[in-house]
Amino acid sequence: MPKGYWIAHVDVDDEEGYKEYIGMNAEPITRHGGRFLVRGGRFEGIEGTKRARNVIIEFPSYQAALDCMNSEAYQAALAVRRKYSKADVIVIEGYEGPQPGE
């Protein structure tokens, strides 16, 4: 079964307020088996629109990623995040097919 991912590109308007969101998101992400693969860090914008912060969270399945996003606990955290930032977010299914050169 393919893994699921959240991919988010975020601009934070209020760093202090955003800390409330960070404190609230840990429980639902952990409960649904999520783990951060990318959480900020250096990046080079090559093409298209860029935001200051990039995040990739891996879940054991696409359904787990959706369930976390739609959970009551995460929706409460999301309402807080939206007060302090702007973001582009997708939930996407991982790929398990052939790789280049295979």
PDB file of N, CA and C in Angstrom:
ATOM      1  N   MET A   1       0.838  -1.176   0.000  1.00  0.00           N
ATOM      2  CA  MET A   1       0.000   0.000   0.000  1.00  0.00           C
ATOM      3  C   MET A   1       0.887   1.246   0.000  1.00  0.00           C
ATOM      4  N   PRO A   2       0.665   2.176  -0.920  1.00  0.00           N
ATOM      5  CA  PRO A   2       1.489   3.384  -0.965  1.00  0.00           C
ATOM      6  C   PRO A   2       1.306   4.255   0.279  1.00  0.00           C
ATOM      7  N   LYS A   3       2.357   4.915   0.654  1.00  0.00           N
ATOM      8  CA  LYS A   3       2.291   5.864   1.763  1.00  0.00           C
ATOM      9  C   LYS A   3       1.542   7.109   1.310  1.00  0.00           C
ATOM     10  N   GLY A   4       1.154   7.914   2.269  1.00  0.00           N
ATOM     11  CA  GLY A   4       0.514   9.190   1.991  1.00  0.00           C
ATOM     12  C   GLY A   4       1.390  10.320   2.500  1.00  0.00           C
ATOM     13  N   TYR A   5       1.253  11.477   1.903  1.00  0.00           N
ATOM     14  CA  TYR A   5       2.087  12.628   2.255  1.00  0.00           C
ATOM     15  C   TYR A   5       1.264  13.897   2.310  1.00  0.00           C
ATOM     16  N   TRP A   6       1.652  14.768   3.216  1.00  0.00           N
ATOM     17  CA  TRP A   6       1.211  16.154   3.166  1.00  0.00           C
ATOM     18  C   TRP A   6       2.388  16.932   2.621  1.00  0.00           C
ATOM     19  N   ILE A   7       2.132  17.785   1.666  1.00  0.00           N
ATOM     20  CA  ILE A   7       3.153  18.698   1.162  1.00  0.00           C
ATOM     21  C   ILE A   7       2.596  20.101   1.349  1.00  0.00           C
ATOM     22  N   ALA A   8       3.317  20.913   2.103  1.00  0.00           N
ATOM     23  CA  ALA A   8       2.852  22.259   2.425  1.00  0.00           C
ATOM     24  C   ALA A   8       3.948  23.277   2.146  1.00  0.00           C
ATOM     25  N   HIS A   9       3.530  24.399   1.616  1.00  0.00           N
ATOM     26  CA  HIS A   9       4.399  25.557   1.397  1.00  0.00           C
ATOM     27  C   HIS A   9       3.738  26.696   2.163  1.00  0.00           C
ATOM     28  N   VAL A  10       4.468  27.277   3.120  1.00  0.00           N
ATOM     29  CA  VAL A  10       3.857  28.164   4.098  1.00  0.00           C
ATOM     30  C   VAL A  10       4.626  29.476   4.217  1.00  0.00           C
ATOM     31  N   ASP A  11       3.876  30.566   4.315  1.00  0.00           N
ATOM     32  CA  ASP A  11       4.411  31.866   4.723  1.00  0.00           C
ATOM     33  C   ASP A  11       3.800  32.187   6.076  1.00  0.00           C
ATOM     34  N   VAL A  12       4.623  32.361   7.091  1.00  0.00           N
ATOM     35  CA  VAL A  12       4.149  32.659   8.442  1.00  0.00           C
ATOM     36  C   VAL A  12       4.159  34.175   8.630  1.00  0.00           C
ATOM     37  N   ASP A  13       3.007  34.709   9.026  1.00  0.00           N
ATOM     38  CA  ASP A  13       2.875  36.150   9.256  1.00  0.00           C
ATOM     39  C   ASP A  13       3.193  36.537  10.692  1.00  0.00           C
ATOM     40  N   ASP A  14       2.987  35.610  11.628  1.00  0.00           N
ATOM     41  CA  ASP A  14       3.185  35.888  13.050  1.00  0.00           C
ATOM     42  C   ASP A  14       3.847  34.659  13.686  1.00  0.00           C
ATOM     43  N   GLU A  15       5.161  34.715  13.874  1.00  0.00           N
ATOM     44  CA  GLU A  15       5.917  33.570  14.403  1.00  0.00           C
ATOM     45  C   GLU A  15       5.457  33.170  15.804  1.00  0.00           C
ATOM     46  N   GLU A  16       5.170  34.136  16.655  1.00  0.00           N
ATOM     47  CA  GLU A  16       4.734  33.819  18.018  1.00  0.00           C
ATOM     48  C   GLU A  16       3.381  33.116  18.007  1.00  0.00           C
ATOM     49  N   GLY A  17       2.442  33.628  17.247  1.00  0.00           N
ATOM     50  CA  GLY A  17       1.135  32.999  17.154  1.00  0.00           C
ATOM     51  C   GLY A  17       1.218  31.615  16.531  1.00  0.00           C
ATOM     52  N   TYR A  18       2.095  31.445  15.569  1.00  0.00           N
ATOM     53  CA  TYR A  18       2.251  30.174  14.863  1.00  0.00           C
ATOM     54  C   TYR A  18       2.694  29.059  15.804  1.00  0.00           C
ATOM     55  N   LYS A  19       3.382  29.424  16.883  1.00  0.00           N
ATOM     56  CA  LYS A  19       3.834  28.424  17.848  1.00  0.00           C
ATOM     57  C   LYS A  19       2.648  27.680  18.470  1.00  0.00           C
ATOM     58  N   GLU A  20       1.504  28.338  18.583  1.00  0.00           N
ATOM     59  CA  GLU A  20       0.310  27.669  19.106  1.00  0.00           C
ATOM     60  C   GLU A  20      -0.094  26.525  18.173  1.00  0.00           C
ATOM     61  N   TYR A  21      -0.059  26.780  16.870  1.00  0.00           N
ATOM     62  CA  TYR A  21      -0.371  25.740  15.888  1.00  0.00           C
ATOM     63  C   TYR A  21       0.604  24.573  16.008  1.00  0.00           C
ATOM     64  N   ILE A  22       1.880  24.862  16.114  1.00  0.00           N
ATOM     65  CA  ILE A  22       2.891  23.802  16.227  1.00  0.00           C
ATOM     66  C   ILE A  22       2.602  22.924  17.449  1.00  0.00           C
ATOM     67  N   GLY A  23       2.227  23.548  18.546  1.00  0.00           N
ATOM     68  CA  GLY A  23       1.902  22.792  19.744  1.00  0.00           C
ATOM     69  C   GLY A  23       0.666  21.923  19.587  1.00  0.00           C
ATOM     70  N   MET A  24      -0.273  22.356  18.764  1.00  0.00           N
ATOM     71  CA  MET A  24      -1.523  21.620  18.576  1.00  0.00           C
ATOM     72  C   MET A  24      -1.424  20.509  17.536  1.00  0.00           C
ATOM     73  N   ASN A  25      -0.492  20.611  16.590  1.00  0.00           N
ATOM     74  CA  ASN A  25      -0.483  19.640  15.488  1.00  0.00           C
ATOM     75  C   ASN A  25       0.210  18.323  15.833  1.00  0.00           C
ATOM     76  N   ALA A  26       1.008  18.307  16.877  1.00  0.00           N
ATOM     77  CA  ALA A  26       1.786  17.107  17.202  1.00  0.00           C
ATOM     78  C   ALA A  26       0.908  15.897  17.508  1.00  0.00           C
ATOM     79  N   GLU A  27      -0.124  16.080  18.296  1.00  0.00           N
ATOM     80  CA  GLU A  27      -0.956  14.945  18.713  1.00  0.00           C
ATOM     81  C   GLU A  27      -1.653  14.275  17.534  1.00  0.00           C
ATOM     82  N   PRO A  28      -2.383  15.005  16.685  1.00  0.00           N
ATOM     83  CA  PRO A  28      -3.041  14.306  15.581  1.00  0.00           C
ATOM     84  C   PRO A  28      -2.060  13.707  14.573  1.00  0.00           C
ATOM     85  N   ILE A  29      -0.961  14.389  14.309  1.00  0.00           N
ATOM     86  CA  ILE A  29       0.015  13.841  13.362  1.00  0.00           C
ATOM     87  C   ILE A  29       0.605  12.548  13.907  1.00  0.00           C
ATOM     88  N   THR A  30       0.998  12.545  15.183  1.00  0.00           N
ATOM     89  CA  THR A  30       1.557  11.345  15.801  1.00  0.00           C
ATOM     90  C   THR A  30       0.531  10.220  15.849  1.00  0.00           C
ATOM     91  N   ARG A  31      -0.696  10.541  16.217  1.00  0.00           N
ATOM     92  CA  ARG A  31      -1.751   9.527  16.342  1.00  0.00           C
ATOM     93  C   ARG A  31      -2.030   8.835  15.017  1.00  0.00           C
ATOM     94  N   HIS A  32      -1.832   9.534  13.909  1.00  0.00           N
ATOM     95  CA  HIS A  32      -2.092   8.946  12.594  1.00  0.00           C
ATOM     96  C   HIS A  32      -0.819   8.401  11.935  1.00  0.00           C
ATOM     97  N   GLY A  33       0.259   8.309  12.700  1.00  0.00           N
ATOM     98  CA  GLY A  33       1.482   7.694  12.198  1.00  0.00           C
ATOM     99  C   GLY A  33       2.340   8.608  11.349  1.00  0.00           C
ATOM    100  N   GLY A  34       2.116   9.916  11.429  1.00  0.00           N
ATOM    101  CA  GLY A  34       2.884  10.861  10.612  1.00  0.00           C
ATOM    102  C   GLY A  34       4.264  11.123  11.167  1.00  0.00           C
ATOM    103  N   ARG A  35       5.173  11.423  10.239  1.00  0.00           N
ATOM    104  CA  ARG A  35       6.530  11.823  10.643  1.00  0.00           C
ATOM    105  C   ARG A  35       7.047  12.839   9.636  1.00  0.00           C
ATOM    106  N   PHE A  36       7.736  13.839  10.149  1.00  0.00           N
ATOM    107  CA  PHE A  36       8.259  14.901   9.298  1.00  0.00           C
ATOM    108  C   PHE A  36       9.462  14.399   8.510  1.00  0.00           C
ATOM    109  N   LEU A  37       9.414  14.592   7.206  1.00  0.00           N
ATOM    110  CA  LEU A  37      10.576  14.341   6.347  1.00  0.00           C
ATOM    111  C   LEU A  37      11.288  15.660   6.055  1.00  0.00           C
ATOM    112  N   VAL A  38      10.507  16.713   5.916  1.00  0.00           N
ATOM    113  CA  VAL A  38      11.025  18.065   5.690  1.00  0.00           C
ATOM    114  C   VAL A  38      10.239  18.986   6.610  1.00  0.00           C
ATOM    115  N   ARG A  39      10.950  19.836   7.325  1.00  0.00           N
ATOM    116  CA  ARG A  39      10.290  20.797   8.220  1.00  0.00           C
ATOM    117  C   ARG A  39      11.127  22.061   8.210  1.00  0.00           C
ATOM    118  N   GLY A  40      10.864  22.909   7.214  1.00  0.00           N
ATOM    119  CA  GLY A  40      11.678  24.104   7.052  1.00  0.00           C
ATOM    120  C   GLY A  40      12.965  23.730   6.340  1.00  0.00           C
ATOM    121  N   GLY A  41      14.041  24.288   6.760  1.00  0.00           N
ATOM    122  CA  GLY A  41      15.338  23.956   6.172  1.00  0.00           C
ATOM    123  C   GLY A  41      15.647  24.778   4.928  1.00  0.00           C
ATOM    124  N   ARG A  42      16.883  24.670   4.523  1.00  0.00           N
ATOM    125  CA  ARG A  42      17.329  25.406   3.338  1.00  0.00           C
ATOM    126  C   ARG A  42      16.676  24.839   2.093  1.00  0.00           C
ATOM    127  N   PHE A  43      16.416  25.705   1.129  1.00  0.00           N
ATOM    128  CA  PHE A  43      15.900  25.252  -0.157  1.00  0.00           C
ATOM    129  C   PHE A  43      16.286  26.252  -1.230  1.00  0.00           C
ATOM    130  N   GLU A  44      16.262  25.776  -2.428  1.00  0.00           N
ATOM    131  CA  GLU A  44      16.542  26.603  -3.601  1.00  0.00           C
ATOM    132  C   GLU A  44      15.287  26.578  -4.467  1.00  0.00           C
ATOM    133  N   GLY A  45      14.629  27.722  -4.596  1.00  0.00           N
ATOM    134  CA  GLY A  45      13.449  27.809  -5.451  1.00  0.00           C
ATOM    135  C   GLY A  45      13.877  27.805  -6.914  1.00  0.00           C
ATOM    136  N   ILE A  46      13.506  26.797  -7.648  1.00  0.00           N
ATOM    137  CA  ILE A  46      13.943  26.650  -9.032  1.00  0.00           C
ATOM    138  C   ILE A  46      12.923  27.228 -10.005  1.00  0.00           C
ATOM    139  N   GLU A  47      11.649  26.956  -9.754  1.00  0.00           N
ATOM    140  CA  GLU A  47      10.629  27.382 -10.699  1.00  0.00           C
ATOM    141  C   GLU A  47       9.300  27.559  -9.969  1.00  0.00           C
ATOM    142  N   GLY A  48       8.503  28.510 -10.389  1.00  0.00           N
ATOM    143  CA  GLY A  48       7.167  28.697  -9.828  1.00  0.00           C
ATOM    144  C   GLY A  48       7.172  29.524  -8.554  1.00  0.00           C
ATOM    145  N   THR A  49       6.009  29.565  -7.930  1.00  0.00           N
ATOM    146  CA  THR A  49       5.811  30.345  -6.717  1.00  0.00           C
ATOM    147  C   THR A  49       6.515  29.687  -5.534  1.00  0.00           C
ATOM    148  N   LYS A  50       7.112  30.514  -4.711  1.00  0.00           N
ATOM    149  CA  LYS A  50       7.833  30.006  -3.547  1.00  0.00           C
ATOM    150  C   LYS A  50       7.228  30.591  -2.282  1.00  0.00           C
ATOM    151  N   ARG A  51       7.252  29.827  -1.223  1.00  0.00           N
ATOM    152  CA  ARG A  51       6.898  30.324   0.100  1.00  0.00           C
ATOM    153  C   ARG A  51       8.097  30.085   1.005  1.00  0.00           C
ATOM    154  N   ALA A  52       8.132  30.753   2.133  1.00  0.00           N
ATOM    155  CA  ALA A  52       9.319  30.750   2.996  1.00  0.00           C
ATOM    156  C   ALA A  52       9.580  29.417   3.679  1.00  0.00           C
ATOM    157  N   ARG A  53       8.540  28.633   3.947  1.00  0.00           N
ATOM    158  CA  ARG A  53       8.696  27.392   4.711  1.00  0.00           C
ATOM    159  C   ARG A  53       8.073  26.250   3.919  1.00  0.00           C
ATOM    160  N   ASN A  54       8.761  25.126   3.859  1.00  0.00           N
ATOM    161  CA  ASN A  54       8.278  23.940   3.144  1.00  0.00           C
ATOM    162  C   ASN A  54       8.260  22.771   4.109  1.00  0.00           C
ATOM    163  N   VAL A  55       7.190  21.962   4.026  1.00  0.00           N
ATOM    164  CA  VAL A  55       7.009  20.848   4.949  1.00  0.00           C
ATOM    165  C   VAL A  55       6.528  19.631   4.163  1.00  0.00           C
ATOM    166  N   ILE A  56       7.105  18.476   4.457  1.00  0.00           N
ATOM    167  CA  ILE A  56       6.605  17.207   3.931  1.00  0.00           C
ATOM    168  C   ILE A  56       6.456  16.269   5.124  1.00  0.00           C
ATOM    169  N   ILE A  57       5.245  15.738   5.286  1.00  0.00           N
ATOM    170  CA  ILE A  57       4.971  14.783   6.359  1.00  0.00           C
ATOM    171  C   ILE A  57       4.543  13.476   5.711  1.00  0.00           C
ATOM    172  N   GLU A  58       5.181  12.396   6.126  1.00  0.00           N
ATOM    173  CA  GLU A  58       4.878  11.062   5.601  1.00  0.00           C
ATOM    174  C   GLU A  58       3.941  10.330   6.563  1.00  0.00           C
ATOM    175  N   PHE A  59       2.941   9.647   5.996  1.00  0.00           N
ATOM    176  CA  PHE A  59       2.001   8.832   6.756  1.00  0.00           C
ATOM    177  C   PHE A  59       2.072   7.402   6.239  1.00  0.00           C
ATOM    178  N   PRO A  60       1.653   6.426   7.043  1.00  0.00           N
ATOM    179  CA  PRO A  60       1.751   5.029   6.612  1.00  0.00           C
ATOM    180  C   PRO A  60       0.891   4.705   5.391  1.00  0.00           C
ATOM    181  N   SER A  61      -0.126   5.525   5.119  1.00  0.00           N
ATOM    182  CA  SER A  61      -0.986   5.310   3.950  1.00  0.00           C
ATOM    183  C   SER A  61      -1.629   6.640   3.556  1.00  0.00           C
ATOM    184  N   TYR A  62      -2.138   6.680   2.345  1.00  0.00           N
ATOM    185  CA  TYR A  62      -2.887   7.846   1.870  1.00  0.00           C
ATOM    186  C   TYR A  62      -4.097   8.078   2.771  1.00  0.00           C
ATOM    187  N   GLN A  63      -4.784   6.992   3.138  1.00  0.00           N
ATOM    188  CA  GLN A  63      -5.965   7.124   3.995  1.00  0.00           C
ATOM    189  C   GLN A  63      -5.602   7.708   5.350  1.00  0.00           C
ATOM    190  N   ALA A  64      -4.479   7.290   5.932  1.00  0.00           N
ATOM    191  CA  ALA A  64      -4.034   7.854   7.212  1.00  0.00           C
ATOM    192  C   ALA A  64      -3.760   9.349   7.080  1.00  0.00           C
ATOM    193  N   ALA A  65      -3.179   9.757   5.950  1.00  0.00           N
ATOM    194  CA  ALA A  65      -2.911  11.185   5.718  1.00  0.00           C
ATOM    195  C   ALA A  65      -4.221  11.969   5.644  1.00  0.00           C
ATOM    196  N   LEU A  66      -5.205  11.417   4.939  1.00  0.00           N
ATOM    197  CA  LEU A  66      -6.518  12.070   4.850  1.00  0.00           C
ATOM    198  C   LEU A  66      -7.215  12.080   6.209  1.00  0.00           C
ATOM    199  N   ASP A  67      -7.160  10.951   6.907  1.00  0.00           N
ATOM    200  CA  ASP A  67      -7.818  10.870   8.214  1.00  0.00           C
ATOM    201  C   ASP A  67      -7.239  11.890   9.184  1.00  0.00           C
ATOM    202  N   CYS A  68      -5.948  12.073   9.162  1.00  0.00           N
ATOM    203  CA  CYS A  68      -5.318  13.061  10.030  1.00  0.00           C
ATOM    204  C   CYS A  68      -5.783  14.464   9.645  1.00  0.00           C
ATOM    205  N   MET A  69      -5.727  14.774   8.361  1.00  0.00           N
ATOM    206  CA  MET A  69      -6.137  16.102   7.903  1.00  0.00           C
ATOM    207  C   MET A  69      -7.568  16.403   8.312  1.00  0.00           C
ATOM    208  N   ASN A  70      -8.435  15.402   8.234  1.00  0.00           N
ATOM    209  CA  ASN A  70      -9.853  15.604   8.513  1.00  0.00           C
ATOM    210  C   ASN A  70     -10.243  15.392   9.969  1.00  0.00           C
ATOM    211  N   SER A  71      -9.270  15.025  10.810  1.00  0.00           N
ATOM    212  CA  SER A  71      -9.578  14.772  12.218  1.00  0.00           C
ATOM    213  C   SER A  71      -9.981  16.066  12.923  1.00  0.00           C
ATOM    214  N   GLU A  72     -10.787  15.904  13.934  1.00  0.00           N
ATOM    215  CA  GLU A  72     -11.244  17.059  14.716  1.00  0.00           C
ATOM    216  C   GLU A  72     -10.052  17.805  15.331  1.00  0.00           C
ATOM    217  N   ALA A  73      -9.090  17.056  15.851  1.00  0.00           N
ATOM    218  CA  ALA A  73      -7.928  17.687  16.492  1.00  0.00           C
ATOM    219  C   ALA A  73      -7.107  18.480  15.493  1.00  0.00           C
ATOM    220  N   TYR A  74      -6.889  17.926  14.291  1.00  0.00           N
ATOM    221  CA  TYR A  74      -6.095  18.684  13.325  1.00  0.00           C
ATOM    222  C   TYR A  74      -6.879  19.863  12.766  1.00  0.00           C
ATOM    223  N   GLN A  75      -8.171  19.712  12.574  1.00  0.00           N
ATOM    224  CA  GLN A  75      -8.967  20.834  12.077  1.00  0.00           C
ATOM    225  C   GLN A  75      -8.940  22.003  13.055  1.00  0.00           C
ATOM    226  N   ALA A  76      -8.901  21.710  14.363  1.00  0.00           N
ATOM    227  CA  ALA A  76      -8.763  22.762  15.368  1.00  0.00           C
ATOM    228  C   ALA A  76      -7.406  23.453  15.232  1.00  0.00           C
ATOM    229  N   ALA A  77      -6.348  22.655  15.032  1.00  0.00           N
ATOM    230  CA  ALA A  77      -5.011  23.223  14.831  1.00  0.00           C
ATOM    231  C   ALA A  77      -4.974  24.052  13.553  1.00  0.00           C
ATOM    232  N   LEU A  78      -5.611  23.563  12.510  1.00  0.00           N
ATOM    233  CA  LEU A  78      -5.631  24.259  11.225  1.00  0.00           C
ATOM    234  C   LEU A  78      -6.300  25.622  11.345  1.00  0.00           C
ATOM    235  N   ALA A  79      -7.377  25.712  12.122  1.00  0.00           N
ATOM    236  CA  ALA A  79      -8.042  27.000  12.326  1.00  0.00           C
ATOM    237  C   ALA A  79      -7.082  28.003  12.956  1.00  0.00           C
ATOM    238  N   VAL A  80      -6.233  27.533  13.863  1.00  0.00           N
ATOM    239  CA  VAL A  80      -5.224  28.408  14.480  1.00  0.00           C
ATOM    240  C   VAL A  80      -4.164  28.779  13.450  1.00  0.00           C
ATOM    241  N   ARG A  81      -3.673  27.784  12.690  1.00  0.00           N
ATOM    242  CA  ARG A  81      -2.644  28.074  11.687  1.00  0.00           C
ATOM    243  C   ARG A  81      -3.100  29.139  10.713  1.00  0.00           C
ATOM    244  N   ARG A  82      -4.333  29.078  10.298  1.00  0.00           N
ATOM    245  CA  ARG A  82      -4.841  30.031   9.301  1.00  0.00           C
ATOM    246  C   ARG A  82      -4.865  31.463   9.815  1.00  0.00           C
ATOM    247  N   LYS A  83      -4.882  31.650  11.130  1.00  0.00           N
ATOM    248  CA  LYS A  83      -4.840  33.004  11.691  1.00  0.00           C
ATOM    249  C   LYS A  83      -3.457  33.624  11.535  1.00  0.00           C
ATOM    250  N   TYR A  84      -2.420  32.788  11.458  1.00  0.00           N
ATOM    251  CA  TYR A  84      -1.054  33.286  11.520  1.00  0.00           C
ATOM    252  C   TYR A  84      -0.221  33.032  10.268  1.00  0.00           C
ATOM    253  N   SER A  85      -0.813  32.395   9.255  1.00  0.00           N
ATOM    254  CA  SER A  85      -0.020  32.068   8.071  1.00  0.00           C
ATOM    255  C   SER A  85      -0.911  31.871   6.850  1.00  0.00           C
ATOM    256  N   LYS A  86      -0.265  31.839   5.708  1.00  0.00           N
ATOM    257  CA  LYS A  86      -0.899  31.485   4.442  1.00  0.00           C
ATOM    258  C   LYS A  86      -0.164  30.251   3.921  1.00  0.00           C
ATOM    259  N   ALA A  87      -0.902  29.335   3.289  1.00  0.00           N
ATOM    260  CA  ALA A  87      -0.247  28.104   2.857  1.00  0.00           C
ATOM    261  C   ALA A  87      -0.917  27.515   1.626  1.00  0.00           C
ATOM    262  N   ASP A  88      -0.138  26.728   0.909  1.00  0.00           N
ATOM    263  CA  ASP A  88      -0.623  25.854  -0.154  1.00  0.00           C
ATOM    264  C   ASP A  88      -0.329  24.447   0.352  1.00  0.00           C
ATOM    265  N   VAL A  89      -1.366  23.607   0.441  1.00  0.00           N
ATOM    266  CA  VAL A  89      -1.221  22.274   1.039  1.00  0.00           C
ATOM    267  C   VAL A  89      -1.914  21.252   0.154  1.00  0.00           C
ATOM    268  N   ILE A  90      -1.267  20.114  -0.046  1.00  0.00           N
ATOM    269  CA  ILE A  90      -1.911  18.987  -0.708  1.00  0.00           C
ATOM    270  C   ILE A  90      -1.695  17.730   0.119  1.00  0.00           C
ATOM    271  N   VAL A  91      -2.616  16.783  -0.016  1.00  0.00           N
ATOM    272  CA  VAL A  91      -2.451  15.429   0.493  1.00  0.00           C
ATOM    273  C   VAL A  91      -2.322  14.566  -0.749  1.00  0.00           C
ATOM    274  N   ILE A  92      -1.259  13.761  -0.810  1.00  0.00           N
ATOM    275  CA  ILE A  92      -0.971  13.014  -2.034  1.00  0.00           C
ATOM    276  C   ILE A  92      -0.555  11.581  -1.713  1.00  0.00           C
ATOM    277  N   GLU A  93      -0.915  10.695  -2.598  1.00  0.00           N
ATOM    278  CA  GLU A  93      -0.535   9.292  -2.462  1.00  0.00           C
ATOM    279  C   GLU A  93       0.872   9.097  -3.004  1.00  0.00           C
ATOM    280  N   GLY A  94       1.669   8.310  -2.301  1.00  0.00           N
ATOM    281  CA  GLY A  94       3.027   8.003  -2.749  1.00  0.00           C
ATOM    282  C   GLY A  94       3.025   7.105  -3.988  1.00  0.00           C
ATOM    283  N   TYR A  95       4.185   6.965  -4.560  1.00  0.00           N
ATOM    284  CA  TYR A  95       4.374   6.190  -5.779  1.00  0.00           C
ATOM    285  C   TYR A  95       5.240   4.976  -5.465  1.00  0.00           C
ATOM    286  N   GLU A  96       4.809   3.812  -5.919  1.00  0.00           N
ATOM    287  CA  GLU A  96       5.562   2.586  -5.685  1.00  0.00           C
ATOM    288  C   GLU A  96       5.909   1.853  -6.978  1.00  0.00           C
ATOM    289  N   GLY A  97       5.829   2.530  -8.110  1.00  0.00           N
ATOM    290  CA  GLY A  97       6.112   1.888  -9.390  1.00  0.00           C
ATOM    291  C   GLY A  97       7.586   1.915  -9.746  1.00  0.00           C
ATOM    292  N   PRO A  98       7.888   1.556 -10.990  1.00  0.00           N
ATOM    293  CA  PRO A  98       9.279   1.513 -11.458  1.00  0.00           C
ATOM    294  C   PRO A  98       9.950   2.878 -11.370  1.00  0.00           C
ATOM    295  N   GLN A  99      11.237   2.845 -11.142  1.00  0.00           N
ATOM    296  CA  GLN A  99      12.043   4.064 -11.080  1.00  0.00           C
ATOM    297  C   GLN A  99      12.853   4.192 -12.364  1.00  0.00           C
ATOM    298  N   PRO A 100      13.334   5.408 -12.657  1.00  0.00           N
ATOM    299  CA  PRO A 100      14.148   5.563 -13.877  1.00  0.00           C
ATOM    300  C   PRO A 100      15.311   4.582 -13.878  1.00  0.00           C
ATOM    301  N   GLY A 101      15.544   3.990 -15.002  1.00  0.00           N
ATOM    302  CA  GLY A 101      16.638   3.045 -15.163  1.00  0.00           C
ATOM    303  C   GLY A 101      16.316   1.633 -14.728  1.00  0.00           C
ATOM    304  N   GLU A 102      15.132   1.404 -14.220  1.00  0.00           N
ATOM    305  CA  GLU A 102      14.779   0.034 -13.787  1.00  0.00           C
ATOM    306  C   GLU A 102      14.112  -0.714 -14.940  1.00  0.00           C
TER     307      GLU A 102
END
